[in-house]
Amino acid sequence: MAKFGELINSNVPVLLDFYKEFGNYTEEQDDILRDVAAALGDRAKVIKIDIDKNQALSDALRIKGYPTYIIYKKGEMKWRQSGEQNANTLISLVKIYS
């Protein structure tokens, strides 16, 4: 958890994608996140977190659905939403906190 604290204390927005590995969904979401990361460049960080491999963190954040997206900036949660999002929506949301 200490590393998580360092990660979210960034001066740029951090978009976290809490996901579960399964089928085509992961590939589609990977493409979306690549587009988001490319569009934002170094104005934000985009990070995927596997719920199954990070159970303690997922439990601490009460992640129930997937995907769950969370935006942090300077250690503060700015936005959170469960369910699929498209690249343009995510880009627009992150830009709000840039």
N, C-alpha and C. Protein backbone atom coordinates (compact mmCIF):
# COMPACT_ATOMS: atom_id res chain seq x y z
N MET A 1 0.81 -1.20 0.00
CA MET A 1 0.00 0.00 0.00
C MET A 1 0.85 1.26 0.00
N ALA A 2 2.06 1.18 0.54
CA ALA A 2 2.93 2.37 0.55
C ALA A 2 3.21 2.83 -0.87
N LYS A 3 3.45 1.90 -1.77
CA LYS A 3 3.70 2.27 -3.17
C LYS A 3 2.46 2.90 -3.79
N PHE A 4 1.28 2.42 -3.40
CA PHE A 4 0.05 3.00 -3.92
C PHE A 4 -0.06 4.47 -3.49
N GLY A 5 0.29 4.75 -2.25
CA GLY A 5 0.26 6.12 -1.75
C GLY A 5 1.19 7.02 -2.54
N GLU A 6 2.36 6.53 -2.86
CA GLU A 6 3.31 7.30 -3.66
C GLU A 6 2.76 7.53 -5.07
N LEU A 7 2.14 6.51 -5.61
CA LEU A 7 1.59 6.57 -6.96
C LEU A 7 0.51 7.65 -7.09
N ILE A 8 -0.42 7.68 -6.14
CA ILE A 8 -1.54 8.61 -6.27
C ILE A 8 -1.21 10.02 -5.80
N ASN A 9 -0.04 10.22 -5.21
CA ASN A 9 0.37 11.55 -4.77
C ASN A 9 0.99 12.38 -5.88
N SER A 10 0.81 11.97 -7.09
CA SER A 10 1.38 12.65 -8.25
C SER A 10 0.77 14.03 -8.44
N ASN A 11 1.56 14.94 -9.00
CA ASN A 11 1.06 16.28 -9.34
C ASN A 11 0.22 16.28 -10.61
N VAL A 12 0.32 15.20 -11.38
CA VAL A 12 -0.53 15.05 -12.56
C VAL A 12 -1.62 14.03 -12.21
N PRO A 13 -2.76 14.10 -12.89
CA PRO A 13 -3.82 13.14 -12.61
C PRO A 13 -3.36 11.70 -12.89
N VAL A 14 -3.86 10.78 -12.08
CA VAL A 14 -3.57 9.36 -12.24
C VAL A 14 -4.90 8.65 -12.48
N LEU A 15 -5.05 8.07 -13.66
CA LEU A 15 -6.24 7.30 -14.00
C LEU A 15 -5.94 5.83 -13.72
N LEU A 16 -6.69 5.26 -12.79
CA LEU A 16 -6.53 3.85 -12.45
C LEU A 16 -7.68 3.07 -13.06
N ASP A 17 -7.36 1.95 -13.66
CA ASP A 17 -8.36 1.04 -14.22
C ASP A 17 -8.27 -0.26 -13.45
N PHE A 18 -9.24 -0.51 -12.58
CA PHE A 18 -9.31 -1.78 -11.86
C PHE A 18 -10.10 -2.74 -12.74
N TYR A 19 -9.48 -3.86 -13.12
CA TYR A 19 -10.07 -4.76 -14.09
C TYR A 19 -9.87 -6.21 -13.68
N LYS A 20 -10.58 -7.10 -14.38
CA LYS A 20 -10.38 -8.54 -14.26
C LYS A 20 -10.02 -9.07 -15.63
N GLU A 21 -9.10 -10.01 -15.67
CA GLU A 21 -8.68 -10.63 -16.93
C GLU A 21 -9.77 -11.54 -17.46
N PHE A 22 -10.26 -11.26 -18.64
CA PHE A 22 -11.11 -12.23 -19.33
C PHE A 22 -11.40 -11.79 -20.75
N GLY A 23 -11.09 -12.68 -21.69
CA GLY A 23 -11.46 -12.58 -23.08
C GLY A 23 -11.23 -11.27 -23.81
N ASN A 24 -12.12 -11.00 -24.75
CA ASN A 24 -12.01 -9.84 -25.62
C ASN A 24 -12.11 -8.53 -24.87
N TYR A 25 -12.83 -8.53 -23.78
CA TYR A 25 -13.02 -7.29 -23.03
C TYR A 25 -11.67 -6.66 -22.68
N THR A 26 -10.74 -7.46 -22.20
CA THR A 26 -9.43 -6.95 -21.81
C THR A 26 -8.72 -6.33 -23.00
N GLU A 27 -8.78 -6.96 -24.16
CA GLU A 27 -8.12 -6.42 -25.35
C GLU A 27 -8.74 -5.08 -25.75
N GLU A 28 -10.07 -5.00 -25.71
CA GLU A 28 -10.75 -3.76 -26.05
C GLU A 28 -10.37 -2.65 -25.07
N GLN A 29 -10.36 -2.98 -23.79
CA GLN A 29 -10.01 -1.98 -22.78
C GLN A 29 -8.54 -1.58 -22.90
N ASP A 30 -7.68 -2.52 -23.24
CA ASP A 30 -6.27 -2.19 -23.46
C ASP A 30 -6.14 -1.15 -24.57
N ASP A 31 -6.88 -1.34 -25.65
CA ASP A 31 -6.85 -0.39 -26.76
C ASP A 31 -7.33 0.99 -26.32
N ILE A 32 -8.41 1.02 -25.55
CA ILE A 32 -8.95 2.28 -25.06
C ILE A 32 -7.92 2.98 -24.18
N LEU A 33 -7.32 2.24 -23.26
CA LEU A 33 -6.34 2.85 -22.35
C LEU A 33 -5.09 3.32 -23.08
N ARG A 34 -4.69 2.59 -24.12
CA ARG A 34 -3.55 3.04 -24.94
C ARG A 34 -3.89 4.37 -25.62
N ASP A 35 -5.10 4.48 -26.13
CA ASP A 35 -5.53 5.73 -26.76
C ASP A 35 -5.54 6.88 -25.75
N VAL A 36 -6.04 6.60 -24.57
CA VAL A 36 -6.08 7.63 -23.52
C VAL A 36 -4.67 8.07 -23.16
N ALA A 37 -3.79 7.10 -22.93
CA ALA A 37 -2.40 7.42 -22.56
C ALA A 37 -1.71 8.21 -23.67
N ALA A 38 -1.93 7.82 -24.92
CA ALA A 38 -1.31 8.53 -26.04
C ALA A 38 -1.82 9.95 -26.15
N ALA A 39 -3.11 10.14 -25.96
CA ALA A 39 -3.70 11.48 -26.08
C ALA A 39 -3.24 12.40 -24.96
N LEU A 40 -3.03 11.85 -23.78
CA LEU A 40 -2.68 12.69 -22.62
C LEU A 40 -1.18 12.88 -22.46
N GLY A 41 -0.39 11.96 -23.01
CA GLY A 41 1.07 12.08 -22.88
C GLY A 41 1.50 12.16 -21.43
N ASP A 42 2.39 13.11 -21.13
CA ASP A 42 2.87 13.21 -19.75
C ASP A 42 2.02 14.15 -18.91
N ARG A 43 0.83 14.50 -19.38
CA ARG A 43 -0.09 15.31 -18.57
C ARG A 43 -0.86 14.45 -17.58
N ALA A 44 -0.71 13.11 -17.68
CA ALA A 44 -1.40 12.19 -16.78
C ALA A 44 -0.71 10.84 -16.80
N LYS A 45 -1.04 10.02 -15.81
CA LYS A 45 -0.58 8.63 -15.77
C LYS A 45 -1.80 7.75 -15.92
N VAL A 46 -1.65 6.66 -16.66
CA VAL A 46 -2.72 5.69 -16.86
C VAL A 46 -2.19 4.34 -16.39
N ILE A 47 -2.88 3.75 -15.41
CA ILE A 47 -2.38 2.53 -14.80
C ILE A 47 -3.50 1.50 -14.67
N LYS A 48 -3.21 0.27 -15.09
CA LYS A 48 -4.15 -0.84 -14.95
C LYS A 48 -3.80 -1.62 -13.69
N ILE A 49 -4.82 -2.01 -12.94
CA ILE A 49 -4.62 -2.79 -11.72
C ILE A 49 -5.55 -3.99 -11.77
N ASP A 50 -4.96 -5.19 -11.78
CA ASP A 50 -5.73 -6.43 -11.80
C ASP A 50 -6.32 -6.66 -10.41
N ILE A 51 -7.64 -6.73 -10.35
CA ILE A 51 -8.34 -6.89 -9.07
C ILE A 51 -7.91 -8.18 -8.37
N ASP A 52 -7.79 -9.26 -9.12
CA ASP A 52 -7.44 -10.55 -8.53
C ASP A 52 -6.02 -10.57 -7.96
N LYS A 53 -5.10 -9.86 -8.59
CA LYS A 53 -3.71 -9.84 -8.14
C LYS A 53 -3.46 -8.79 -7.06
N ASN A 54 -4.41 -7.91 -6.85
CA ASN A 54 -4.28 -6.82 -5.87
C ASN A 54 -5.52 -6.77 -4.99
N GLN A 55 -5.83 -7.93 -4.40
CA GLN A 55 -7.07 -8.08 -3.64
C GLN A 55 -7.14 -7.15 -2.43
N ALA A 56 -6.04 -6.98 -1.71
CA ALA A 56 -6.05 -6.13 -0.52
C ALA A 56 -6.37 -4.68 -0.90
N LEU A 57 -5.75 -4.19 -1.96
CA LEU A 57 -6.02 -2.83 -2.42
C LEU A 57 -7.46 -2.71 -2.90
N SER A 58 -7.91 -3.67 -3.67
CA SER A 58 -9.29 -3.66 -4.18
C SER A 58 -10.30 -3.66 -3.03
N ASP A 59 -10.03 -4.45 -2.02
CA ASP A 59 -10.91 -4.47 -0.85
C ASP A 59 -10.88 -3.14 -0.11
N ALA A 60 -9.69 -2.58 0.05
CA ALA A 60 -9.56 -1.31 0.77
C ALA A 60 -10.32 -0.19 0.06
N LEU A 61 -10.34 -0.23 -1.27
CA LEU A 61 -11.04 0.80 -2.05
C LEU A 61 -12.49 0.40 -2.35
N ARG A 62 -12.90 -0.74 -1.83
CA ARG A 62 -14.26 -1.25 -2.02
C ARG A 62 -14.64 -1.36 -3.51
N ILE A 63 -13.73 -1.95 -4.27
CA ILE A 63 -13.99 -2.19 -5.68
C ILE A 63 -14.92 -3.39 -5.79
N LYS A 64 -16.11 -3.16 -6.30
CA LYS A 64 -17.10 -4.24 -6.42
C LYS A 64 -17.34 -4.62 -7.88
N GLY A 65 -17.40 -3.64 -8.76
CA GLY A 65 -17.64 -3.91 -10.17
C GLY A 65 -16.39 -3.67 -10.97
N TYR A 66 -16.40 -4.19 -12.17
CA TYR A 66 -15.25 -3.97 -13.03
C TYR A 66 -15.72 -3.79 -14.46
N PRO A 67 -15.08 -2.92 -15.17
CA PRO A 67 -13.95 -2.13 -14.67
C PRO A 67 -14.45 -1.02 -13.73
N THR A 68 -13.58 -0.61 -12.85
CA THR A 68 -13.81 0.58 -12.04
C THR A 68 -12.67 1.53 -12.33
N TYR A 69 -13.02 2.75 -12.70
CA TYR A 69 -12.03 3.77 -13.00
C TYR A 69 -12.01 4.78 -11.86
N ILE A 70 -10.81 5.17 -11.46
CA ILE A 70 -10.66 6.19 -10.42
C ILE A 70 -9.59 7.17 -10.88
N ILE A 71 -9.85 8.46 -10.68
CA ILE A 71 -8.85 9.49 -10.95
C ILE A 71 -8.41 10.08 -9.63
N TYR A 72 -7.10 10.08 -9.41
CA TYR A 72 -6.49 10.71 -8.23
C TYR A 72 -5.60 11.86 -8.69
N LYS A 73 -5.47 12.85 -7.86
CA LYS A 73 -4.48 13.90 -8.06
C LYS A 73 -4.05 14.39 -6.68
N LYS A 74 -2.73 14.43 -6.48
CA LYS A 74 -2.14 14.84 -5.21
C LYS A 74 -2.75 14.07 -4.03
N GLY A 75 -2.96 12.77 -4.24
CA GLY A 75 -3.44 11.90 -3.18
C GLY A 75 -4.93 11.95 -2.92
N GLU A 76 -5.66 12.77 -3.65
CA GLU A 76 -7.09 12.92 -3.42
C GLU A 76 -7.88 12.32 -4.58
N MET A 77 -8.88 11.49 -4.21
CA MET A 77 -9.74 10.93 -5.24
C MET A 77 -10.61 12.04 -5.81
N LYS A 78 -10.57 12.19 -7.14
CA LYS A 78 -11.32 13.24 -7.80
C LYS A 78 -12.58 12.73 -8.50
N TRP A 79 -12.53 11.47 -8.96
CA TRP A 79 -13.64 10.91 -9.72
C TRP A 79 -13.56 9.40 -9.66
N ARG A 80 -14.74 8.75 -9.66
CA ARG A 80 -14.79 7.29 -9.64
C ARG A 80 -16.05 6.83 -10.35
N GLN A 81 -15.91 5.77 -11.16
CA GLN A 81 -17.07 5.24 -11.88
C GLN A 81 -16.81 3.78 -12.23
N SER A 82 -17.80 2.95 -12.03
CA SER A 82 -17.73 1.55 -12.47
C SER A 82 -18.45 1.42 -13.80
N GLY A 83 -17.98 0.51 -14.62
CA GLY A 83 -18.60 0.28 -15.92
C GLY A 83 -17.72 0.78 -17.05
N GLU A 84 -18.01 0.28 -18.23
CA GLU A 84 -17.20 0.62 -19.40
C GLU A 84 -17.29 2.11 -19.72
N GLN A 85 -16.17 2.66 -20.14
CA GLN A 85 -16.08 4.06 -20.57
C GLN A 85 -15.33 4.08 -21.90
N ASN A 86 -15.65 5.03 -22.76
CA ASN A 86 -14.89 5.11 -24.00
C ASN A 86 -13.70 6.05 -23.82
N ALA A 87 -12.80 6.03 -24.78
CA ALA A 87 -11.55 6.80 -24.67
C ALA A 87 -11.83 8.30 -24.55
N ASN A 88 -12.74 8.83 -25.36
CA ASN A 88 -13.00 10.27 -25.32
C ASN A 88 -13.53 10.72 -23.97
N THR A 89 -14.39 9.91 -23.37
CA THR A 89 -14.92 10.25 -22.04
C THR A 89 -13.80 10.29 -21.02
N LEU A 90 -12.96 9.26 -21.03
CA LEU A 90 -11.85 9.21 -20.07
C LEU A 90 -10.87 10.36 -20.27
N ILE A 91 -10.56 10.66 -21.52
CA ILE A 91 -9.64 11.77 -21.82
C ILE A 91 -10.22 13.07 -21.29
N SER A 92 -11.49 13.33 -21.57
CA SER A 92 -12.14 14.56 -21.10
C SER A 92 -12.13 14.66 -19.59
N LEU A 93 -12.42 13.56 -18.91
CA LEU A 93 -12.45 13.57 -17.46
C LEU A 93 -11.06 13.86 -16.87
N VAL A 94 -10.05 13.20 -17.40
CA VAL A 94 -8.68 13.42 -16.89
C VAL A 94 -8.26 14.86 -17.13
N LYS A 95 -8.61 15.41 -18.27
CA LYS A 95 -8.22 16.79 -18.59
C LYS A 95 -8.81 17.79 -17.60
N ILE A 96 -9.96 17.49 -17.06
CA ILE A 96 -10.57 18.37 -16.05
C ILE A 96 -9.61 18.60 -14.88
N TYR A 97 -8.86 17.56 -14.53
CA TYR A 97 -7.98 17.62 -13.35
C TYR A 97 -6.53 17.89 -13.70
N SER A 98 -6.24 18.17 -14.97
CA SER A 98 -4.85 18.44 -15.39
C SER A 98 -4.39 19.80 -14.90
